Amino acid sequence: MNNQEIQIRRAKHEDIEDIVKIEQATFPDPWDETGFIDALYYYPSTFFVIKTQGKVAGFICAGIENTGEEIYGHIMNFATLPEYRKQGIGGKLMQRIEYECLLIGATAVQLEVRVSNDNAQRFYRKMGYSQVFIVGGYYTNGEDAIVMMKWFTD
């Protein structure tokens, strides 16, 4: 897939239906429409879709958290349609959200991933993320989450 075929832009309300479909095709405990509407309302500058051939193929949304000492991005949700995986779409979305977080002043980005999701963990490590700790019972089915981070400074 070449770069002329894709477009990354900020998500819009009219994208929510497509985003929900991607979410339902990806996760066993998907966010509902209200969750995405809220994310778009609270974090419009850090919610992106990627389109190819006129179709929304994936999305990523992040919040910005300020601990008083550090500002970091928190990837809350990220998915691509199964037929577009392993084509570079996910990597482009990750690069875009990381860039936006840097512009906002973040020193790192964090995310959570299921302990059973080996493919996602490999992808995140390839993107420069490292395991920080595990949160027990994080997901609705009781599965643990691995918290991973990527720091922008040494």
C-alpha atoms as a PDB file:
ATOM      1  CA  MET A   1       0.000   0.000   0.000  1.00  0.00           C
ATOM      2  CA  ASN A   2       1.597   3.279  -1.022  1.00  0.00           C
ATOM      3  CA  ASN A   3       1.250   6.607   0.758  1.00  0.00           C
ATOM      4  CA  GLN A   4      -0.995   8.125  -1.936  1.00  0.00           C
ATOM      5  CA  GLU A   5      -3.687   5.584  -1.098  1.00  0.00           C
ATOM      6  CA  ILE A   6      -3.997   6.564   2.563  1.00  0.00           C
ATOM      7  CA  GLN A   7      -5.123   9.606   4.493  1.00  0.00           C
ATOM      8  CA  ILE A   8      -4.772  10.174   8.225  1.00  0.00           C
ATOM      9  CA  ARG A   9      -6.969  12.875   9.699  1.00  0.00           C
ATOM     10  CA  ARG A  10      -8.652  13.807  12.934  1.00  0.00           C
ATOM     11  CA  ALA A  11     -11.778  11.798  13.608  1.00  0.00           C
ATOM     12  CA  LYS A  12     -15.166  13.401  13.042  1.00  0.00           C
ATOM     13  CA  HIS A  13     -18.564  12.553  14.446  1.00  0.00           C
ATOM     14  CA  GLU A  14     -19.578  10.993  11.111  1.00  0.00           C
ATOM     15  CA  ASP A  15     -16.711   8.463  11.502  1.00  0.00           C
ATOM     16  CA  ILE A  16     -18.140   6.985  14.719  1.00  0.00           C
ATOM     17  CA  GLU A  17     -20.278   4.354  12.959  1.00  0.00           C
ATOM     18  CA  ASP A  18     -17.244   3.004  11.060  1.00  0.00           C
ATOM     19  CA  ILE A  19     -15.075   3.169  14.191  1.00  0.00           C
ATOM     20  CA  VAL A  20     -17.638   1.136  16.169  1.00  0.00           C
ATOM     21  CA  LYS A  21     -17.671  -1.520  13.418  1.00  0.00           C
ATOM     22  CA  ILE A  22     -13.873  -1.782  13.518  1.00  0.00           C
ATOM     23  CA  GLU A  23     -13.990  -2.004  17.317  1.00  0.00           C
ATOM     24  CA  GLN A  24     -16.584  -4.797  17.219  1.00  0.00           C
ATOM     25  CA  ALA A  25     -14.539  -6.736  14.652  1.00  0.00           C
ATOM     26  CA  THR A  26     -11.434  -6.464  16.837  1.00  0.00           C
ATOM     27  CA  PHE A  27     -12.164  -6.773  20.552  1.00  0.00           C
ATOM     28  CA  PRO A  28     -14.090  -9.275  22.700  1.00  0.00           C
ATOM     29  CA  ASP A  29     -15.260  -6.406  24.954  1.00  0.00           C
ATOM     30  CA  PRO A  30     -15.723  -3.493  22.538  1.00  0.00           C
ATOM     31  CA  TRP A  31     -16.417   0.095  23.447  1.00  0.00           C
ATOM     32  CA  ASP A  32     -19.908   1.217  22.518  1.00  0.00           C
ATOM     33  CA  GLU A  33     -20.815   4.267  20.459  1.00  0.00           C
ATOM     34  CA  THR A  34     -21.123   6.459  23.570  1.00  0.00           C
ATOM     35  CA  GLY A  35     -17.516   5.719  24.556  1.00  0.00           C
ATOM     36  CA  PHE A  36     -16.260   6.956  21.196  1.00  0.00           C
ATOM     37  CA  ILE A  37     -18.505  10.016  21.232  1.00  0.00           C
ATOM     38  CA  ASP A  38     -17.106  10.888  24.668  1.00  0.00           C
ATOM     39  CA  ALA A  39     -13.513  10.321  23.501  1.00  0.00           C
ATOM     40  CA  LEU A  40     -14.097  12.588  20.508  1.00  0.00           C
ATOM     41  CA  TYR A  41     -15.610  15.258  22.750  1.00  0.00           C
ATOM     42  CA  TYR A  42     -12.825  15.187  25.369  1.00  0.00           C
ATOM     43  CA  TYR A  43      -9.842  14.468  23.091  1.00  0.00           C
ATOM     44  CA  PRO A  44     -10.596  15.811  19.586  1.00  0.00           C
ATOM     45  CA  SER A  45      -6.943  16.681  18.891  1.00  0.00           C
ATOM     46  CA  THR A  46      -5.720  13.161  19.684  1.00  0.00           C
ATOM     47  CA  PHE A  47      -8.308  11.014  17.909  1.00  0.00           C
ATOM     48  CA  PHE A  48      -7.425   9.971  14.361  1.00  0.00           C
ATOM     49  CA  VAL A  49      -8.769   7.759  11.591  1.00  0.00           C
ATOM     50  CA  ILE A  50      -6.886   6.341   8.650  1.00  0.00           C
ATOM     51  CA  LYS A  51      -8.694   5.995   5.348  1.00  0.00           C
ATOM     52  CA  THR A  52      -7.730   4.000   2.320  1.00  0.00           C
ATOM     53  CA  GLN A  53      -9.712   3.646  -0.879  1.00  0.00           C
ATOM     54  CA  GLY A  54     -12.358   5.912   0.664  1.00  0.00           C
ATOM     55  CA  LYS A  55     -12.885   3.572   3.625  1.00  0.00           C
ATOM     56  CA  VAL A  56     -12.017   4.033   7.301  1.00  0.00           C
ATOM     57  CA  ALA A  57      -9.491   1.241   7.847  1.00  0.00           C
ATOM     58  CA  GLY A  58      -8.439   2.049  11.395  1.00  0.00           C
ATOM     59  CA  PHE A  59      -8.423   4.530  14.251  1.00  0.00           C
ATOM     60  CA  ILE A  60      -6.462   5.571  17.308  1.00  0.00           C
ATOM     61  CA  CYS A  61      -7.452   7.757  20.228  1.00  0.00           C
ATOM     62  CA  ALA A  62      -5.387   8.971  23.130  1.00  0.00           C
ATOM     63  CA  GLY A  63      -5.820  11.119  26.168  1.00  0.00           C
ATOM     64  CA  ILE A  64      -3.243  13.470  27.608  1.00  0.00           C
ATOM     65  CA  GLU A  65      -2.440  13.016  31.269  1.00  0.00           C
ATOM     66  CA  ASN A  66      -0.578  15.489  33.441  1.00  0.00           C
ATOM     67  CA  THR A  67       0.768  14.107  36.699  1.00  0.00           C
ATOM     68  CA  GLY A  68       2.091  17.492  37.797  1.00  0.00           C
ATOM     69  CA  GLU A  69       5.600  16.262  37.103  1.00  0.00           C
ATOM     70  CA  GLU A  70       5.175  14.677  33.672  1.00  0.00           C
ATOM     71  CA  ILE A  71       2.816  14.971  30.731  1.00  0.00           C
ATOM     72  CA  TYR A  72       2.228  11.781  28.812  1.00  0.00           C
ATOM     73  CA  GLY A  73      -0.063  10.422  26.154  1.00  0.00           C
ATOM     74  CA  HIS A  74      -2.322   7.497  26.985  1.00  0.00           C
ATOM     75  CA  ILE A  75      -3.489   5.442  24.024  1.00  0.00           C
ATOM     76  CA  MET A  76      -6.988   4.491  25.070  1.00  0.00           C
ATOM     77  CA  ASN A  77      -8.080   2.613  21.966  1.00  0.00           C
ATOM     78  CA  PHE A  78      -6.476   1.548  18.707  1.00  0.00           C
ATOM     79  CA  ALA A  79      -7.583  -0.879  16.008  1.00  0.00           C
ATOM     80  CA  THR A  80      -7.465  -1.601  12.303  1.00  0.00           C
ATOM     81  CA  LEU A  81      -9.782  -3.711  10.208  1.00  0.00           C
ATOM     82  CA  PRO A  82      -8.495  -7.298  10.000  1.00  0.00           C
ATOM     83  CA  GLU A  83      -8.030  -7.112   6.216  1.00  0.00           C
ATOM     84  CA  TYR A  84      -5.672  -4.118   6.574  1.00  0.00           C
ATOM     85  CA  ARG A  85      -3.376  -5.580   9.220  1.00  0.00           C
ATOM     86  CA  LYS A  86       0.318  -6.143   8.492  1.00  0.00           C
ATOM     87  CA  GLN A  87       0.251  -3.455   5.770  1.00  0.00           C
ATOM     88  CA  GLY A  88       1.733  -0.567   7.749  1.00  0.00           C
ATOM     89  CA  ILE A  89      -1.577   1.109   8.631  1.00  0.00           C
ATOM     90  CA  GLY A  90      -1.188   0.556  12.375  1.00  0.00           C
ATOM     91  CA  GLY A  91       2.372   1.837  12.372  1.00  0.00           C
ATOM     92  CA  LYS A  92       1.302   5.022  10.586  1.00  0.00           C
ATOM     93  CA  LEU A  93      -1.452   5.609  13.167  1.00  0.00           C
ATOM     94  CA  MET A  94       0.987   5.050  16.034  1.00  0.00           C
ATOM     95  CA  GLN A  95       3.507   7.478  14.518  1.00  0.00           C
ATOM     96  CA  ARG A  96       0.786  10.099  14.080  1.00  0.00           C
ATOM     97  CA  ILE A  97      -0.465   9.877  17.664  1.00  0.00           C
ATOM     98  CA  GLU A  98       3.080   9.907  19.041  1.00  0.00           C
ATOM     99  CA  TYR A  99       3.847  13.033  16.995  1.00  0.00           C
ATOM    100  CA  GLU A 100       0.713  14.758  18.302  1.00  0.00           C
ATOM    101  CA  CYS A 101       1.605  13.839  21.885  1.00  0.00           C
ATOM    102  CA  LEU A 102       5.100  15.263  21.387  1.00  0.00           C
ATOM    103  CA  LEU A 103       3.627  18.520  20.069  1.00  0.00           C
ATOM    104  CA  ILE A 104       1.457  18.769  23.177  1.00  0.00           C
ATOM    105  CA  GLY A 105       4.535  18.338  25.370  1.00  0.00           C
ATOM    106  CA  ALA A 106       4.349  14.685  26.374  1.00  0.00           C
ATOM    107  CA  THR A 107       7.559  12.955  27.404  1.00  0.00           C
ATOM    108  CA  ALA A 108       6.109   9.460  26.901  1.00  0.00           C
ATOM    109  CA  VAL A 109       3.118   7.476  25.674  1.00  0.00           C
ATOM    110  CA  GLN A 110       1.542   4.561  27.525  1.00  0.00           C
ATOM    111  CA  LEU A 111      -0.977   1.888  26.600  1.00  0.00           C
ATOM    112  CA  GLU A 112      -2.466  -1.308  27.951  1.00  0.00           C
ATOM    113  CA  VAL A 113      -2.504  -4.630  26.119  1.00  0.00           C
ATOM    114  CA  ARG A 114      -3.944  -8.014  27.068  1.00  0.00           C
ATOM    115  CA  VAL A 115      -1.389 -10.484  28.441  1.00  0.00           C
ATOM    116  CA  SER A 116      -2.743 -13.009  25.919  1.00  0.00           C
ATOM    117  CA  ASN A 117      -2.312 -10.704  22.894  1.00  0.00           C
ATOM    118  CA  ASP A 118       1.163 -11.736  21.762  1.00  0.00           C
ATOM    119  CA  ASN A 119       0.778 -10.194  18.287  1.00  0.00           C
ATOM    120  CA  ALA A 120      -0.043  -6.760  19.694  1.00  0.00           C
ATOM    121  CA  GLN A 121       2.798  -6.983  22.208  1.00  0.00           C
ATOM    122  CA  ARG A 122       5.268  -7.775  19.391  1.00  0.00           C
ATOM    123  CA  PHE A 123       3.922  -4.848  17.359  1.00  0.00           C
ATOM    124  CA  TYR A 124       4.279  -2.442  20.287  1.00  0.00           C
ATOM    125  CA  ARG A 125       7.827  -3.625  21.041  1.00  0.00           C
ATOM    126  CA  LYS A 126       8.677  -3.086  17.371  1.00  0.00           C
ATOM    127  CA  MET A 127       7.311   0.472  17.747  1.00  0.00           C
ATOM    128  CA  GLY A 128       9.656   1.072  20.709  1.00  0.00           C
ATOM    129  CA  TYR A 129       7.377   0.315  23.678  1.00  0.00           C
ATOM    130  CA  SER A 130       8.574  -1.536  26.782  1.00  0.00           C
ATOM    131  CA  GLN A 131       6.654  -3.368  29.493  1.00  0.00           C
ATOM    132  CA  VAL A 132       6.380  -1.323  32.686  1.00  0.00           C
ATOM    133  CA  PHE A 133       4.088  -3.412  34.889  1.00  0.00           C
ATOM    134  CA  ILE A 134       0.992  -5.636  34.914  1.00  0.00           C
ATOM    135  CA  VAL A 135      -2.466  -4.614  36.119  1.00  0.00           C
ATOM    136  CA  GLY A 136      -4.408  -7.592  37.457  1.00  0.00           C
ATOM    137  CA  GLY A 137      -8.001  -8.093  36.313  1.00  0.00           C
ATOM    138  CA  TYR A 138      -7.960  -5.022  34.057  1.00  0.00           C
ATOM    139  CA  TYR A 139     -10.343  -6.326  31.383  1.00  0.00           C
ATOM    140  CA  THR A 140     -14.024  -7.151  31.833  1.00  0.00           C
ATOM    141  CA  ASN A 141     -13.351 -10.892  31.650  1.00  0.00           C
ATOM    142  CA  GLY A 142     -10.753 -10.592  34.435  1.00  0.00           C
ATOM    143  CA  GLU A 143      -7.717 -10.853  32.164  1.00  0.00           C
ATOM    144  CA  ASP A 144      -4.604  -8.946  33.187  1.00  0.00           C
ATOM    145  CA  ALA A 145      -3.168  -6.053  31.182  1.00  0.00           C
ATOM    146  CA  ILE A 146       0.439  -5.241  30.463  1.00  0.00           C
ATOM    147  CA  VAL A 147       1.157  -1.521  30.689  1.00  0.00           C
ATOM    148  CA  MET A 148       3.715  -0.532  28.059  1.00  0.00           C
ATOM    149  CA  MET A 149       5.429   2.823  27.578  1.00  0.00           C
ATOM    150  CA  LYS A 150       7.559   4.602  25.037  1.00  0.00           C
ATOM    151  CA  TRP A 151       9.681   7.483  26.279  1.00  0.00           C
ATOM    152  CA  PHE A 152      10.645  10.308  23.951  1.00  0.00           C
ATOM    153  CA  THR A 153      13.694  11.323  25.993  1.00  0.00           C
ATOM    154  CA  ASP A 154      16.592   9.383  27.445  1.00  0.00           C
END
